[in-house]
PDB file of N, CA and C in Angstrom:
ATOM      1  N   MET A   1      85.039  92.476 120.231  1.00  0.00           N
ATOM      2  CA  MET A   1      86.487  92.453 120.218  1.00  0.00           C
ATOM      3  C   MET A   1      86.897  93.798 119.758  1.00  0.00           C
ATOM      4  N   ALA A   2      86.635  94.721 120.402  1.00  0.00           N
ATOM      5  CA  ALA A   2      87.351  96.235 120.095  1.00  0.00           C
ATOM      6  C   ALA A   2      88.715  96.451 120.574  1.00  0.00           C
ATOM      7  N   HIS A   3      88.763  95.717 121.813  1.00  0.00           N
ATOM      8  CA  HIS A   3      90.177  95.512 122.611  1.00  0.00           C
ATOM      9  C   HIS A   3      91.469  94.969 121.337  1.00  0.00           C
ATOM     10  N   ASN A   4      92.479  95.741 121.348  1.00  0.00           N
ATOM     11  CA  ASN A   4      93.718  95.593 120.682  1.00  0.00           C
ATOM     12  C   ASN A   4      93.417  95.049 118.996  1.00  0.00           C
ATOM     13  N   ASN A   5      92.306  95.873 118.530  1.00  0.00           N
ATOM     14  CA  ASN A   5      91.542  95.681 117.115  1.00  0.00           C
ATOM     15  C   ASN A   5      92.632  96.311 116.411  1.00  0.00           C
ATOM     16  N   GLN A   6      93.033  97.200 116.361  1.00  0.00           N
ATOM     17  CA  GLN A   6      94.116  98.029 115.502  1.00  0.00           C
ATOM     18  C   GLN A   6      95.595  97.229 115.443  1.00  0.00           C
ATOM     19  N   LYS A   7      96.028  96.717 116.399  1.00  0.00           N
ATOM     20  CA  LYS A   7      97.361  95.889 116.005  1.00  0.00           C
ATOM     21  C   LYS A   7      96.838  94.704 115.241  1.00  0.00           C
ATOM     22  N   THR A   8      95.628  94.125 115.599  1.00  0.00           N
ATOM     23  CA  THR A   8      95.382  92.677 115.317  1.00  0.00           C
ATOM     24  C   THR A   8      95.395  92.894 113.587  1.00  0.00           C
ATOM     25  N   THR A   9      94.523  93.679 113.626  1.00  0.00           N
ATOM     26  CA  THR A   9      94.364  94.276 111.970  1.00  0.00           C
ATOM     27  C   THR A   9      95.368  94.460 111.558  1.00  0.00           C
ATOM     28  N   ILE A  10      96.413  95.216 111.754  1.00  0.00           N
ATOM     29  CA  ILE A  10      97.674  95.871 110.965  1.00  0.00           C
ATOM     30  C   ILE A  10      98.199  94.271 110.665  1.00  0.00           C
ATOM     31  N   ALA A  11      98.861  93.414 111.689  1.00  0.00           N
ATOM     32  CA  ALA A  11      99.451  92.354 111.366  1.00  0.00           C
ATOM     33  C   ALA A  11      98.605  91.742 110.584  1.00  0.00           C
ATOM     34  N   MET A  12      97.147  91.345 110.454  1.00  0.00           N
ATOM     35  CA  MET A  12      96.369  90.776 109.741  1.00  0.00           C
ATOM     36  C   MET A  12      96.683  91.310 107.909  1.00  0.00           C
ATOM     37  N   LYS A  13      96.590  92.421 107.921  1.00  0.00           N
ATOM     38  CA  LYS A  13      96.482  93.054 106.851  1.00  0.00           C
ATOM     39  C   LYS A  13      98.104  92.698 105.988  1.00  0.00           C
ATOM     40  N   LYS A  14      98.791  93.078 106.830  1.00  0.00           N
ATOM     41  CA  LYS A  14     100.201  92.851 106.097  1.00  0.00           C
ATOM     42  C   LYS A  14     100.433  91.359 105.656  1.00  0.00           C
ATOM     43  N   ALA A  15     100.008  90.579 106.804  1.00  0.00           N
ATOM     44  CA  ALA A  15     100.064  88.864 106.352  1.00  0.00           C
ATOM     45  C   ALA A  15      99.337  88.599 105.023  1.00  0.00           C
ATOM     46  N   SER A  16      98.413  89.144 104.995  1.00  0.00           N
ATOM     47  CA  SER A  16      97.279  89.045 103.851  1.00  0.00           C
ATOM     48  C   SER A  16      98.050  89.515 102.651  1.00  0.00           C
ATOM     49  N   SER A  17      98.635  90.765 102.529  1.00  0.00           N
ATOM     50  CA  SER A  17      99.364  91.475 101.235  1.00  0.00           C
ATOM     51  C   SER A  17     100.641  90.490 101.426  1.00  0.00           C
ATOM     52  N   LEU A  18     101.244  90.191 102.287  1.00  0.00           N
ATOM     53  CA  LEU A  18     102.777  89.328 101.864  1.00  0.00           C
ATOM     54  C   LEU A  18     102.154  87.740 101.356  1.00  0.00           C
ATOM     55  N   MET A  19     100.773  87.484 101.848  1.00  0.00           N
ATOM     56  CA  MET A  19     100.604  86.126 101.206  1.00  0.00           C
ATOM     57  C   MET A  19     100.285  86.140  99.586  1.00  0.00           C
ATOM     58  N   ALA A  20      99.691  87.336  99.182  1.00  0.00           N
ATOM     59  CA  ALA A  20      99.791  87.341  97.809  1.00  0.00           C
ATOM     60  C   ALA A  20     101.058  87.476  97.036  1.00  0.00           C
ATOM     61  N   LYS A  21     101.961  88.112  97.809  1.00  0.00           N
ATOM     62  CA  LYS A  21     103.226  88.451  97.285  1.00  0.00           C
ATOM     63  C   LYS A  21     103.924  86.723  97.121  1.00  0.00           C
ATOM     64  N   VAL A  22     103.818  86.021  98.237  1.00  0.00           N
ATOM     65  CA  VAL A  22     104.489  84.749  98.122  1.00  0.00           C
ATOM     66  C   VAL A  22     103.842  83.541  97.186  1.00  0.00           C
ATOM     67  N   LEU A  23     102.522  83.843  96.829  1.00  0.00           N
ATOM     68  CA  LEU A  23     102.118  82.857  95.568  1.00  0.00           C
ATOM     69  C   LEU A  23     102.405  83.620  94.219  1.00  0.00           C
ATOM     70  N   GLN A  24     102.714  85.035  94.348  1.00  0.00           N
ATOM     71  CA  GLN A  24     102.912  85.167  93.164  1.00  0.00           C
ATOM     72  C   GLN A  24     104.675  84.860  92.992  1.00  0.00           C
ATOM     73  N   MET A  25     105.239  84.718  94.039  1.00  0.00           N
ATOM     74  CA  MET A  25     106.252  84.194  93.585  1.00  0.00           C
ATOM     75  C   MET A  25     107.032  82.999  93.419  1.00  0.00           C
ATOM     76  N   ILE A  26     105.766  81.999  94.006  1.00  0.00           N
ATOM     77  CA  ILE A  26     105.865  80.796  93.551  1.00  0.00           C
ATOM     78  C   ILE A  26     105.347  80.544  92.279  1.00  0.00           C
ATOM     79  N   GLU A  27     103.966  81.273  91.641  1.00  0.00           N
ATOM     80  CA  GLU A  27     104.098  81.158  90.536  1.00  0.00           C
ATOM     81  C   GLU A  27     104.595  81.343  89.322  1.00  0.00           C
ATOM     82  N   GLU A  28     105.850  82.488  89.771  1.00  0.00           N
ATOM     83  CA  GLU A  28     106.980  82.985  88.872  1.00  0.00           C
ATOM     84  C   GLU A  28     108.281  82.103  89.369  1.00  0.00           C
ATOM     85  N   ASP A  29     108.063  81.046  90.093  1.00  0.00           N
ATOM     86  CA  ASP A  29     109.252  80.087  90.025  1.00  0.00           C
ATOM     87  C   ASP A  29     110.318  80.325  90.796  1.00  0.00           C
ATOM     88  N   LYS A  30     110.053  81.599  91.741  1.00  0.00           N
ATOM     89  CA  LYS A  30     111.194  82.708  92.547  1.00  0.00           C
ATOM     90  C   LYS A  30     111.981  81.723  93.214  1.00  0.00           C
ATOM     91  N   TYR A  31     113.197  81.767  93.938  1.00  0.00           N
ATOM     92  CA  TYR A  31     114.181  80.699  94.293  1.00  0.00           C
ATOM     93  C   TYR A  31     113.552  80.463  95.801  1.00  0.00           C
ATOM     94  N   CYS A  32     113.574  79.192  96.036  1.00  0.00           N
ATOM     95  CA  CYS A  32     113.022  78.569  97.140  1.00  0.00           C
ATOM     96  C   CYS A  32     113.310  79.344  98.642  1.00  0.00           C
ATOM     97  N   ILE A  33     114.462  79.811  98.495  1.00  0.00           N
ATOM     98  CA  ILE A  33     114.874  80.505  99.793  1.00  0.00           C
ATOM     99  C   ILE A  33     114.236  81.756 100.135  1.00  0.00           C
ATOM    100  N   ASP A  34     114.519  82.542  98.944  1.00  0.00           N
ATOM    101  CA  ASP A  34     113.485  83.874  99.081  1.00  0.00           C
ATOM    102  C   ASP A  34     112.126  83.370  99.486  1.00  0.00           C
ATOM    103  N   VAL A  35     111.469  82.523  98.839  1.00  0.00           N
ATOM    104  CA  VAL A  35     109.975  81.790  99.299  1.00  0.00           C
ATOM    105  C   VAL A  35     109.932  81.739 100.575  1.00  0.00           C
ATOM    106  N   ILE A  36     110.714  81.115 101.211  1.00  0.00           N
ATOM    107  CA  ILE A  36     110.619  80.523 102.412  1.00  0.00           C
ATOM    108  C   ILE A  36     110.857  81.567 103.758  1.00  0.00           C
ATOM    109  N   GLN A  37     111.431  82.387 103.162  1.00  0.00           N
ATOM    110  CA  GLN A  37     112.099  83.622 103.975  1.00  0.00           C
ATOM    111  C   GLN A  37     110.609  84.534 104.053  1.00  0.00           C
ATOM    112  N   GLN A  38     109.984  84.830 103.096  1.00  0.00           N
ATOM    113  CA  GLN A  38     108.398  85.465 102.744  1.00  0.00           C
ATOM    114  C   GLN A  38     107.653  84.647 103.498  1.00  0.00           C
ATOM    115  N   ASN A  39     107.582  83.462 103.776  1.00  0.00           N
ATOM    116  CA  ASN A  39     106.750  82.640 104.230  1.00  0.00           C
ATOM    117  C   ASN A  39     106.852  82.547 105.778  1.00  0.00           C
ATOM    118  N   LEU A  40     108.040  82.744 106.288  1.00  0.00           N
ATOM    119  CA  LEU A  40     108.552  83.124 107.525  1.00  0.00           C
ATOM    120  C   LEU A  40     107.882  84.152 108.323  1.00  0.00           C
ATOM    121  N   ALA A  41     108.022  85.620 107.428  1.00  0.00           N
ATOM    122  CA  ALA A  41     107.685  86.423 107.819  1.00  0.00           C
ATOM    123  C   ALA A  41     105.907  86.587 107.867  1.00  0.00           C
ATOM    124  N   ILE A  42     105.217  85.889 107.197  1.00  0.00           N
ATOM    125  CA  ILE A  42     103.944  85.519 107.481  1.00  0.00           C
ATOM    126  C   ILE A  42     103.708  84.905 108.212  1.00  0.00           C
ATOM    127  N   ILE A  43     104.270  83.740 108.742  1.00  0.00           N
ATOM    128  CA  ILE A  43     104.000  83.331 110.052  1.00  0.00           C
ATOM    129  C   ILE A  43     104.328  83.949 111.256  1.00  0.00           C
ATOM    130  N   GLY A  44     105.372  84.999 111.335  1.00  0.00           N
ATOM    131  CA  GLY A  44     105.752  86.043 112.317  1.00  0.00           C
ATOM    132  C   GLY A  44     104.546  86.814 112.242  1.00  0.00           C
ATOM    133  N   LEU A  45     103.746  87.436 111.348  1.00  0.00           N
ATOM    134  CA  LEU A  45     102.727  88.362 111.443  1.00  0.00           C
ATOM    135  C   LEU A  45     101.516  87.752 112.390  1.00  0.00           C
ATOM    136  N   LEU A  46     101.461  86.594 111.474  1.00  0.00           N
ATOM    137  CA  LEU A  46     100.296  85.719 112.121  1.00  0.00           C
ATOM    138  C   LEU A  46     100.249  85.639 113.831  1.00  0.00           C
ATOM    139  N   ARG A  47     101.394  84.923 114.455  1.00  0.00           N
ATOM    140  CA  ARG A  47     101.987  84.916 116.014  1.00  0.00           C
ATOM    141  C   ARG A  47     101.892  86.328 116.250  1.00  0.00           C
ATOM    142  N   SER A  48     102.043  87.233 115.939  1.00  0.00           N
ATOM    143  CA  SER A  48     101.822  88.562 116.265  1.00  0.00           C
ATOM    144  C   SER A  48     100.562  88.766 116.740  1.00  0.00           C
ATOM    145  N   ALA A  49      99.859  88.723 115.552  1.00  0.00           N
ATOM    146  CA  ALA A  49      98.147  89.111 115.466  1.00  0.00           C
ATOM    147  C   ALA A  49      97.792  88.222 116.650  1.00  0.00           C
ATOM    148  N   ASN A  50      98.061  86.965 116.715  1.00  0.00           N
ATOM    149  CA  ASN A  50      97.743  86.248 117.818  1.00  0.00           C
ATOM    150  C   ASN A  50      97.602  86.613 119.181  1.00  0.00           C
ATOM    151  N   THR A  51      98.717  87.085 119.282  1.00  0.00           N
ATOM    152  CA  THR A  51      99.449  87.463 120.750  1.00  0.00           C
ATOM    153  C   THR A  51      98.463  88.706 120.969  1.00  0.00           C
ATOM    154  N   ALA A  52      98.299  89.796 120.050  1.00  0.00           N
ATOM    155  CA  ALA A  52      97.436  90.730 120.507  1.00  0.00           C
ATOM    156  C   ALA A  52      96.188  90.480 120.667  1.00  0.00           C
ATOM    157  N   LEU A  53      95.699  89.185 119.962  1.00  0.00           N
ATOM    158  CA  LEU A  53      94.489  88.673 120.063  1.00  0.00           C
ATOM    159  C   LEU A  53      93.936  88.089 121.429  1.00  0.00           C
ATOM    160  N   LEU A  54      94.860  87.653 121.955  1.00  0.00           N
ATOM    161  CA  LEU A  54      95.197  86.738 123.529  1.00  0.00           C
ATOM    162  C   LEU A  54      95.325  87.827 124.571  1.00  0.00           C
ATOM    163  N   GLU A  55      96.405  88.768 124.015  1.00  0.00           N
ATOM    164  CA  GLU A  55      96.151  90.102 125.137  1.00  0.00           C
ATOM    165  C   GLU A  55      95.300  90.739 125.677  1.00  0.00           C
ATOM    166  N   GLY A  56      94.452  90.971 124.407  1.00  0.00           N
ATOM    167  CA  GLY A  56      93.203  91.812 124.404  1.00  0.00           C
ATOM    168  C   GLY A  56      92.272  90.794 125.280  1.00  0.00           C
ATOM    169  N   HIS A  57      92.099  89.715 124.897  1.00  0.00           N
ATOM    170  CA  HIS A  57      91.123  88.998 125.416  1.00  0.00           C
ATOM    171  C   HIS A  57      91.655  89.036 127.245  1.00  0.00           C
ATOM    172  N   MET A  58      92.911  88.731 127.475  1.00  0.00           N
ATOM    173  CA  MET A  58      92.947  88.575 128.579  1.00  0.00           C
ATOM    174  C   MET A  58      92.712  89.945 129.664  1.00  0.00           C
ATOM    175  N   ASN A  59      93.300  90.852 128.719  1.00  0.00           N
ATOM    176  CA  ASN A  59      93.061  92.285 129.680  1.00  0.00           C
ATOM    177  C   ASN A  59      91.571  93.037 129.745  1.00  0.00           C
ATOM    178  N   HIS A  60      90.525  92.365 128.649  1.00  0.00           N
ATOM    179  CA  HIS A  60      89.168  92.763 128.584  1.00  0.00           C
ATOM    180  C   HIS A  60      88.361  91.916 129.043  1.00  0.00           C
ATOM    181  N   CYS A  61      88.230  90.792 128.236  1.00  0.00           N
ATOM    182  CA  CYS A  61      87.172  90.004 128.777  1.00  0.00           C
ATOM    183  C   CYS A  61      87.417  89.146 130.134  1.00  0.00           C
ATOM    184  N   VAL A  62      88.461  88.469 130.336  1.00  0.00           N
ATOM    185  CA  VAL A  62      88.698  87.661 131.281  1.00  0.00           C
ATOM    186  C   VAL A  62      89.140  88.942 132.728  1.00  0.00           C
ATOM    187  N   LYS A  63      89.134  89.679 132.698  1.00  0.00           N
ATOM    188  CA  LYS A  63      89.628  91.008 133.778  1.00  0.00           C
ATOM    189  C   LYS A  63      87.866  91.515 134.219  1.00  0.00           C
ATOM    190  N   ASN A  64      86.975  91.564 132.780  1.00  0.00           N
ATOM    191  CA  ASN A  64      85.691  91.700 133.240  1.00  0.00           C
ATOM    192  C   ASN A  64      85.036  91.283 134.104  1.00  0.00           C
ATOM    193  N   ALA A  65      85.115  89.295 133.787  1.00  0.00           N
ATOM    194  CA  ALA A  65      84.738  88.596 134.393  1.00  0.00           C
ATOM    195  C   ALA A  65      84.882  88.628 135.622  1.00  0.00           C
ATOM    196  N   VAL A  66      86.560  88.570 135.626  1.00  0.00           N
ATOM    197  CA  VAL A  66      87.144  88.985 137.053  1.00  0.00           C
ATOM    198  C   VAL A  66      86.530  89.943 138.345  1.00  0.00           C
ATOM    199  N   LYS A  67      86.263  90.871 137.613  1.00  0.00           N
ATOM    200  CA  LYS A  67      85.776  92.177 138.467  1.00  0.00           C
ATOM    201  C   LYS A  67      84.574  91.912 138.833  1.00  0.00           C
ATOM    202  N   GLN A  68      83.409  91.411 137.825  1.00  0.00           N
ATOM    203  CA  GLN A  68      82.424  90.871 138.092  1.00  0.00           C
ATOM    204  C   GLN A  68      82.185  89.925 138.984  1.00  0.00           C
ATOM    205  N   LYS A  69      83.055  88.978 139.417  1.00  0.00           N
ATOM    206  CA  LYS A  69      82.817  87.929 140.018  1.00  0.00           C
ATOM    207  C   LYS A  69      82.183  86.990 139.510  1.00  0.00           C
ATOM    208  N   GLN A  70      82.268  86.595 138.316  1.00  0.00           N
ATOM    209  CA  GLN A  70      81.554  85.719 137.658  1.00  0.00           C
ATOM    210  C   GLN A  70      82.525  84.353 137.451  1.00  0.00           C
ATOM    211  N   SER A  71      82.690  83.696 138.845  1.00  0.00           N
ATOM    212  CA  SER A  71      83.469  82.566 138.910  1.00  0.00           C
ATOM    213  C   SER A  71      83.392  81.565 137.828  1.00  0.00           C
ATOM    214  N   GLY A  72      81.829  81.350 137.667  1.00  0.00           N
ATOM    215  CA  GLY A  72      81.924  79.948 136.501  1.00  0.00           C
ATOM    216  C   GLY A  72      82.378  80.714 135.070  1.00  0.00           C
ATOM    217  N   LYS A  73      81.993  81.964 134.763  1.00  0.00           N
ATOM    218  CA  LYS A  73      82.348  82.439 133.827  1.00  0.00           C
ATOM    219  C   LYS A  73      84.162  82.379 133.612  1.00  0.00           C
ATOM    220  N   VAL A  74      84.719  82.783 134.730  1.00  0.00           N
ATOM    221  CA  VAL A  74      86.194  82.572 134.769  1.00  0.00           C
ATOM    222  C   VAL A  74      86.674  81.416 134.609  1.00  0.00           C
ATOM    223  N   ASP A  75      86.386  80.369 135.254  1.00  0.00           N
ATOM    224  CA  ASP A  75      86.835  79.107 135.036  1.00  0.00           C
ATOM    225  C   ASP A  75      86.498  78.693 133.536  1.00  0.00           C
ATOM    226  N   GLU A  76      85.279  78.916 133.093  1.00  0.00           N
ATOM    227  CA  GLU A  76      85.190  78.456 131.323  1.00  0.00           C
ATOM    228  C   GLU A  76      86.258  79.071 130.599  1.00  0.00           C
ATOM    229  N   MET A  77      86.557  80.676 131.063  1.00  0.00           N
ATOM    230  CA  MET A  77      87.497  81.273 130.230  1.00  0.00           C
ATOM    231  C   MET A  77      88.940  80.475 130.442  1.00  0.00           C
ATOM    232  N   MET A  78      89.264  80.325 131.943  1.00  0.00           N
ATOM    233  CA  MET A  78      90.507  79.591 131.947  1.00  0.00           C
ATOM    234  C   MET A  78      90.660  78.201 131.346  1.00  0.00           C
ATOM    235  N   GLU A  79      89.761  77.532 130.665  1.00  0.00           N
ATOM    236  CA  GLU A  79      89.542  76.176 130.212  1.00  0.00           C
ATOM    237  C   GLU A  79      89.868  76.757 128.710  1.00  0.00           C
ATOM    238  N   GLU A  80      89.251  77.564 128.441  1.00  0.00           N
ATOM    239  CA  GLU A  80      89.424  77.724 126.928  1.00  0.00           C
ATOM    240  C   GLU A  80      90.944  78.334 126.913  1.00  0.00           C
ATOM    241  N   LEU A  81      91.365  78.938 127.578  1.00  0.00           N
ATOM    242  CA  LEU A  81      92.985  79.696 127.411  1.00  0.00           C
ATOM    243  C   LEU A  81      93.696  78.273 127.614  1.00  0.00           C
ATOM    244  N   LEU A  82      93.676  77.651 127.979  1.00  0.00           N
ATOM    245  CA  LEU A  82      94.534  76.337 128.082  1.00  0.00           C
ATOM    246  C   LEU A  82      94.044  75.507 127.107  1.00  0.00           C
ATOM    247  N   LYS A  83      93.101  75.397 126.863  1.00  0.00           N
ATOM    248  CA  LYS A  83      92.938  74.788 125.520  1.00  0.00           C
ATOM    249  C   LYS A  83      93.777  75.282 124.246  1.00  0.00           C
ATOM    250  N   VAL A  84      93.527  76.687 123.858  1.00  0.00           N
ATOM    251  CA  VAL A  84      94.456  77.143 123.069  1.00  0.00           C
ATOM    252  C   VAL A  84      95.704  77.234 123.015  1.00  0.00           C
ATOM    253  N   LEU A  85      96.381  77.235 124.488  1.00  0.00           N
ATOM    254  CA  LEU A  85      97.886  77.156 124.777  1.00  0.00           C
ATOM    255  C   LEU A  85      98.266  76.298 124.630  1.00  0.00           C
ATOM    256  N   ARG A  86      97.406  74.682 124.661  1.00  0.00           N
ATOM    257  CA  ARG A  86      97.695  73.251 124.229  1.00  0.00           C
ATOM    258  C   ARG A  86      97.764  73.737 122.586  1.00  0.00           C
ATOM    259  N   ILE A  87      96.865  73.900 122.264  1.00  0.00           N
ATOM    260  CA  ILE A  87      97.061  73.737 120.564  1.00  0.00           C
ATOM    261  C   ILE A  87      98.204  74.536 119.867  1.00  0.00           C
ATOM    262  N   ALA A  88      98.335  75.884 120.676  1.00  0.00           N
ATOM    263  CA  ALA A  88      99.588  76.789 120.478  1.00  0.00           C
ATOM    264  C   ALA A  88     100.839  76.017 120.645  1.00  0.00           C
ATOM    265  N   GLN A  89     101.105  75.351 121.117  1.00  0.00           N
ATOM    266  CA  GLN A  89     102.328  74.727 121.780  1.00  0.00           C
ATOM    267  C   GLN A  89     102.465  73.413 120.766  1.00  0.00           C
ATOM    268  N   THR A  90     101.487  72.972 119.949  1.00  0.00           N
ATOM    269  CA  THR A  90     101.788  71.901 119.201  1.00  0.00           C
ATOM    270  C   THR A  90     102.062  72.231 117.896  1.00  0.00           C
ATOM    271  N   LYS A  91     101.719  73.381 117.579  1.00  0.00           N
ATOM    272  CA  LYS A  91     102.303  73.995 116.099  1.00  0.00           C
ATOM    273  C   LYS A  91     103.434  74.972 115.927  1.00  0.00           C
TER     274      LYS A  91
END
């Protein structure tokens, strides 16, 4: 999974450190709206990381399977992608 690794890692690390900040805010009984805004920032970072992972998968794994004419593998990957997209639409 070396593709898009840097972009994904940065977003995940930012989300992780922000999560610690939000937990601290909750423990310190900070204003609800401030906590919610920070929580939304975490959600945005996680979505960004997920998009980077998906792009990397499409640009690396799927493209390689297509180039190598592995039709069975391509079909399997398409089913996986559809499954992930269905899950994403419900969240």
